[in-house]
Protein backbone atom coordinates (compact mmCIF):
# COMPACT_ATOMS: atom_id res chain seq x y z
CA SER A 1 0.15 0.15 -0.36
CA TYR A 2 2.98 2.24 0.39
CA ASN A 3 3.96 2.68 -3.24
CA THR A 4 0.05 3.32 -3.98
CA LEU A 5 -0.02 6.07 -2.00
CA LEU A 6 3.36 7.46 -2.94
CA TYR A 7 1.99 7.42 -6.02
CA PHE A 8 -1.17 9.29 -5.80
CA PHE A 9 1.47 11.88 -3.71
CA LEU A 10 3.64 12.27 -6.50
CA LEU A 11 -0.17 12.96 -8.60
CA SER A 12 -1.69 14.78 -6.29
CA LEU A 13 1.19 17.26 -6.13
CA LYS A 14 1.06 18.26 -9.82
CA THR A 15 -2.12 19.71 -9.71
CA PRO A 16 -2.41 21.84 -6.49
CA SER A 17 -0.46 25.51 -6.73
CA LYS A 18 3.15 26.32 -5.94
CA ASP A 19 2.01 28.32 -2.78
CA LYS A 20 0.23 24.44 -1.51
CA LYS A 21 2.83 22.07 -2.15
CA GLY A 22 3.79 21.75 1.11
CA PHE A 23 0.65 20.94 2.49
CA PHE A 24 -0.16 18.17 0.23
CA GLY A 25 2.78 16.64 0.33
CA SER A 26 2.48 16.36 3.94
CA ILE A 27 -0.63 14.41 3.65
CA GLU A 28 1.96 11.66 1.89
CA VAL A 29 3.60 11.86 5.56
CA LEU A 30 0.55 11.47 7.62
CA SER A 31 -0.16 8.07 6.67
CA ALA A 32 2.59 6.90 8.69
CA ILE A 33 0.92 8.78 11.97
CA LEU A 34 -2.40 7.67 11.24
CA GLY A 35 -1.19 4.13 11.27
CA SER A 36 0.61 4.20 13.82
CA ILE A 37 -2.61 5.73 15.97
CA LEU A 38 -4.78 3.19 14.90
CA SER A 39 -2.44 0.31 15.52
CA LEU A 40 -2.42 2.33 19.37
CA ILE A 41 -5.92 2.16 19.07
CA ALA A 42 -6.41 -1.37 17.80
CA VAL A 43 -4.25 -2.90 21.43
CA LEU A 44 -5.74 -0.40 23.47
CA ILE A 45 -9.26 -1.95 22.26
CA CYS A 46 -8.36 -5.29 22.22
CA LYS A 47 -6.60 -5.98 25.15
CA LYS A 48 -10.69 -6.18 26.78
CA VAL A 49 -10.16 -9.05 25.01
CA SER A 50 -10.25 -12.05 27.22
CA ASP A 51 -8.28 -13.38 25.49
CA PHE A 52 -5.81 -11.54 23.65
CA GLU A 53 -2.93 -13.34 24.01
CA SER A 54 -4.59 -16.48 22.49
CA TRP A 55 -5.88 -15.13 19.83
CA GLY A 56 -7.11 -11.55 20.41
CA TRP A 57 -3.66 -10.18 18.87
CA ARG A 58 -5.12 -11.49 15.29
CA LEU A 59 -7.48 -8.92 15.17
CA PRO A 60 -5.57 -6.11 14.08
CA PHE A 61 -4.21 -7.93 11.65
CA VAL A 62 -7.87 -8.57 9.76
CA PHE A 63 -8.75 -4.85 10.01
CA SER A 64 -5.24 -4.18 8.09
CA LEU A 65 -6.54 -6.58 4.93
CA MET A 66 -9.14 -4.05 4.29
CA MET A 67 -6.57 -1.25 3.72
CA GLY A 68 -4.69 -4.30 1.40
CA LEU A 69 -8.00 -4.19 -0.77
CA ILE A 70 -8.44 -0.49 -0.69
CA SER A 71 -4.68 0.02 -1.63
CA ILE A 72 -5.10 -2.59 -4.85
CA TYR A 73 -8.35 -0.19 -5.91
CA THR A 74 -6.58 2.74 -5.80
CA ARG A 75 -3.75 0.93 -7.71
CA TYR A 76 -6.07 0.10 -10.16
CA ILE A 77 -8.23 3.39 -10.84
CA LEU A 78 -4.62 6.14 -11.16
CA ASP A 79 -2.85 6.89 -14.34
CA GLU A 80 0.24 8.68 -15.33
CA SER A 81 0.13 12.12 -14.09
CA PRO A 82 -0.82 14.94 -16.90
CA GLU A 83 3.38 15.87 -16.20
CA TYR A 84 4.74 13.17 -17.62
CA LYS A 85 2.10 12.66 -19.85
CA LYS A 86 3.90 15.67 -21.74
CA GLN A 87 7.01 14.52 -22.21
CA LYS A 88 8.13 13.36 -25.66
CA ASN A 89 10.78 11.26 -24.69
CA PRO A 90 10.36 9.91 -21.42
CA PRO A 91 13.49 7.65 -20.40
CA LYS A 92 13.43 3.80 -21.02
CA LEU A 93 15.44 3.10 -17.66
CA PRO A 94 14.63 6.67 -15.73
CA LEU A 95 16.83 4.79 -12.76
CA LYS A 96 19.66 4.37 -14.56
CA GLU A 97 19.48 7.98 -15.71
CA LEU A 98 19.04 9.08 -12.08
CA LEU A 99 22.05 7.79 -10.99
CA ASN A 100 24.08 8.94 -14.24
CA SER A 101 22.83 12.33 -14.15
CA TYR A 102 21.32 13.57 -10.68
CA LYS A 103 23.50 12.28 -8.77
CA LYS A 104 23.29 15.05 -6.30
CA PRO A 105 19.81 15.36 -5.81
CA PHE A 106 19.50 11.89 -4.91
CA LEU A 107 22.46 12.16 -2.11
CA ILE A 108 20.41 15.25 -0.66
CA SER A 109 16.87 13.94 -1.03
CA VAL A 110 18.27 10.68 0.95
CA GLY A 111 20.26 13.09 3.56
CA VAL A 112 17.32 14.86 4.37
CA ASP A 113 15.05 12.09 4.89
CA ILE A 114 17.32 9.95 7.15
CA VAL A 115 16.15 12.46 9.42
CA GLU A 116 12.69 12.40 9.31
CA ASN A 117 12.87 8.15 8.95
CA SER A 118 15.64 8.06 12.22
CA SER A 119 12.64 10.47 14.26
CA LEU A 120 9.92 8.68 13.29
CA TYR A 121 11.11 4.86 14.35
CA ILE A 122 12.81 5.81 17.56
CA TYR A 123 9.46 7.71 18.83
CA LEU A 124 6.74 5.43 17.45
CA VAL A 125 8.75 2.69 18.04
CA PHE A 126 11.83 2.34 19.91
CA PHE A 127 10.51 5.15 22.70
CA ASN A 128 7.96 1.90 22.98
CA VAL A 129 10.49 -0.44 24.05
CA LEU A 130 11.68 2.17 26.72
CA THR A 131 8.74 2.66 28.61
CA SER A 132 7.35 -0.52 28.08
CA LYS A 133 7.84 -1.46 32.17
CA VAL A 134 6.70 1.52 33.34
CA ASN A 135 3.39 3.04 33.36
CA THR A 136 1.99 1.31 29.85
CA HIS A 137 -1.58 2.52 30.51
CA PHE A 138 -0.69 6.29 30.43
CA ASN A 139 2.48 6.36 28.37
CA HIS A 140 -0.49 4.81 25.53
CA MET A 141 -2.11 7.50 26.17
CA VAL A 142 0.37 9.88 25.96
CA GLU A 143 1.47 8.27 22.77
CA ILE A 144 -2.20 8.55 20.87
CA LEU A 145 -2.75 12.34 21.82
CA SER A 146 1.22 13.69 21.16
CA GLN A 147 0.76 11.70 18.09
CA ILE A 148 -2.39 13.38 17.35
CA ALA A 149 -1.21 16.48 18.20
CA LEU A 150 2.09 15.22 15.77
CA GLY A 151 -0.15 15.26 12.98
CA GLY A 152 -1.55 19.00 13.54
CA LEU A 153 1.72 19.99 13.52
CA THR A 154 3.06 18.72 10.69
CA ILE A 155 0.58 20.18 8.49
CA LEU A 156 1.05 23.48 10.06
CA PHE A 157 5.46 23.27 9.39
CA ALA A 158 3.89 21.82 5.78
CA ILE A 159 1.88 25.02 5.89
CA LEU A 160 4.87 27.64 6.71
CA SER A 161 6.81 25.37 4.46
CA ASP A 162 5.03 27.06 1.56
CA LYS A 163 4.92 30.26 3.17
CA ILE A 164 8.91 31.10 4.18
CA GLY A 165 10.55 27.98 2.09
CA ARG A 166 11.36 24.19 2.96
CA GLU A 167 15.03 24.49 3.56
CA LYS A 168 14.44 27.21 6.08
CA VAL A 169 12.37 24.83 8.12
CA MET A 170 13.83 22.13 7.95
CA LYS A 171 17.27 23.57 9.22
CA PHE A 172 15.50 24.28 11.77
CA ALA A 173 14.24 20.98 12.72
CA PHE A 174 17.33 19.50 12.08
CA MET A 175 19.25 21.86 14.59
CA THR A 176 16.33 21.30 17.14
CA PHE A 177 16.77 17.68 16.93
CA ILE A 178 20.79 17.89 17.81
CA VAL A 179 19.64 20.21 20.71
CA VAL A 180 17.28 18.35 21.91
CA SER A 181 17.32 15.05 21.65
CA TYR A 182 19.80 14.25 24.70
CA PRO A 183 17.38 16.22 26.79
CA VAL A 184 14.56 13.83 25.90
CA PHE A 185 16.38 10.39 26.39
CA PHE A 186 17.20 11.35 29.55
CA MET A 187 13.10 12.61 30.67
CA ILE A 188 11.63 9.58 28.56
CA LEU A 189 13.79 6.83 30.88
CA SER A 190 13.28 8.92 34.12
CA GLY A 191 9.94 7.62 34.85
CA ASP A 192 8.85 10.72 35.80
CA ASN A 193 5.31 11.57 34.38
CA LEU A 194 5.66 15.18 33.82
CA LEU A 195 9.50 14.90 32.35
CA THR A 196 7.48 12.29 30.37
CA ILE A 197 4.52 14.84 28.67
CA ALA A 198 7.64 17.26 28.22
CA ALA A 199 9.39 14.99 26.32
CA HIS A 200 6.26 14.44 24.19
CA VAL A 201 5.94 17.69 23.55
CA LEU A 202 9.64 18.28 22.76
CA PHE A 203 10.13 15.55 19.97
CA ILE A 204 7.20 16.02 18.07
CA ILE A 205 8.09 19.19 17.23
CA PRO A 206 11.17 19.25 15.02
CA ILE A 207 9.73 15.79 14.01
CA ALA A 208 6.83 17.64 12.71
CA ALA A 209 8.94 20.58 11.28
CA SER A 210 11.06 17.91 9.20
CA LEU A 211 7.49 15.91 8.31
CA GLY A 212 5.62 18.53 6.78
CA PRO A 213 8.66 19.47 4.12
CA VAL A 214 10.28 17.23 3.48
CA SER A 215 7.90 14.94 0.80
CA ALA A 216 7.53 18.20 -1.33
CA LEU A 217 11.33 19.11 -0.86
CA MET A 218 12.21 15.74 -2.49
CA CYS A 219 10.02 15.72 -5.03
CA GLU A 220 10.83 19.25 -5.90
CA LEU A 221 14.49 18.14 -6.08
CA PHE A 222 14.22 15.86 -9.84
CA PRO A 223 12.35 16.84 -12.99
CA THR A 224 9.30 14.79 -14.03
CA LYS A 225 11.28 12.16 -15.94
CA VAL A 226 12.98 10.77 -13.00
CA ARG A 227 10.90 12.36 -10.00
CA TYR A 228 8.82 8.86 -9.59
CA SER A 229 12.62 6.74 -9.49
CA GLY A 230 13.99 9.58 -7.09
CA PHE A 231 11.70 9.82 -4.90
CA SER A 232 10.67 6.25 -4.03
CA LEU A 233 14.55 5.36 -4.12
CA SER A 234 15.83 8.00 -1.73
CA ARG A 235 12.80 7.33 0.75
CA ASN A 236 13.31 4.07 0.58
CA ILE A 237 16.45 3.92 1.36
CA ALA A 238 16.45 6.80 4.09
CA ALA A 239 13.40 3.88 5.07
CA GLY A 240 15.40 0.66 5.38
CA PHE A 241 18.82 1.71 6.31
CA PHE A 242 18.64 4.79 8.49
CA GLY A 243 15.27 4.59 9.52
CA GLY A 244 13.95 0.81 9.85
CA LEU A 245 17.33 -0.65 11.68
CA ALA A 246 17.27 2.34 14.02
CA PRO A 247 15.57 0.37 17.41
CA PHE A 248 18.87 -2.06 16.74
CA ILE A 249 21.33 0.68 16.50
CA CYS A 250 19.75 2.33 19.30
CA THR A 251 20.14 -0.72 21.09
CA THR A 252 23.40 -1.59 20.26
CA ILE A 253 24.93 1.61 20.93
CA ILE A 254 22.98 1.27 24.91
CA LYS A 255 24.70 -2.07 24.77
CA ILE A 256 28.39 -0.93 24.05
CA THR A 257 28.01 2.23 26.22
CA GLY A 258 26.04 0.80 28.99
CA GLN A 259 24.05 3.95 29.17
CA GLU A 260 20.80 4.12 28.17
CA THR A 261 20.61 7.86 27.34
CA SER A 262 23.32 7.69 24.61
CA ALA A 263 20.89 5.99 21.96
CA SER A 264 20.38 9.65 21.70
CA PHE A 265 23.42 9.74 19.79
CA TYR A 266 22.43 8.16 16.84
CA MET A 267 19.18 10.34 16.27
CA ILE A 268 22.26 13.60 16.35
CA PHE A 269 24.50 11.67 14.16
CA CYS A 270 21.17 11.68 11.67
CA ALA A 271 19.95 15.23 12.40
CA LEU A 272 23.78 16.54 11.45
CA ILE A 273 23.28 13.93 8.22
CA GLY A 274 20.34 15.82 7.46
CA LEU A 275 21.77 19.42 8.06
CA VAL A 276 24.85 18.67 5.71
CA ALA A 277 22.68 17.69 3.07
CA ILE A 278 19.86 21.10 3.29
CA LEU A 279 23.13 23.64 3.01
CA GLN A 280 23.76 21.68 -0.30
CA ILE A 281 20.49 23.05 -1.56
CA LYS A 282 20.87 25.93 -3.46
CA ASP A 283 18.22 28.43 -3.58
């Protein structure tokens, strides 16, 4: 379903005026937040089933089958974008042209998307691991509410990027990650309810500031003929290696150092990569 959402996003980005591309781009990344919120709600509901551990845990997967059917239908009705159809000589091998002629935009795209993916995987997955043994119900409620707030902030930062520029918003996000990541991990691990809430508030601000503009910015780095290949390859590299492996990398860092707060260094490292990448974009 991810590829279908990606293709639908790229099509939608052709139709709005330039001053709304950030807003429309944020809709694509909101799918990840919405999926996480629904999964948390599903777990809370299914846990009330008396036989949750024997068969109740399967119920959320039944719901996911419905989403799969929607994805198949969406894929069926989609067509090529108007801009792509206007091309007289579209490349036969867009991936080859991307790697031969657009190396710098491709590397920039991967660099900026690393931050979005690593922060999301740390926030949505690894934080759950860190807090799994402390006041589980309270943490679930805080996570649901903070993720709803994250969705709203993502849209607001996307709109702001349409007004003042995507680079400015994302520079703010990356620099904020560098400053707040260590304190956020310290507060999350404290076990104190107020500090836990403060940690969520501090962390969702830079996450939203990176999520909101990132899809539109990545799309704008590539011409139409290689846009889909450039966007999808960049995102999958960033998500697969830097995002998907984030919990494993954070756990490894903790084992090496013996300090749980040291996992924040991975987030800081990714933010530095993103900052270097965003500085390569010329106005």
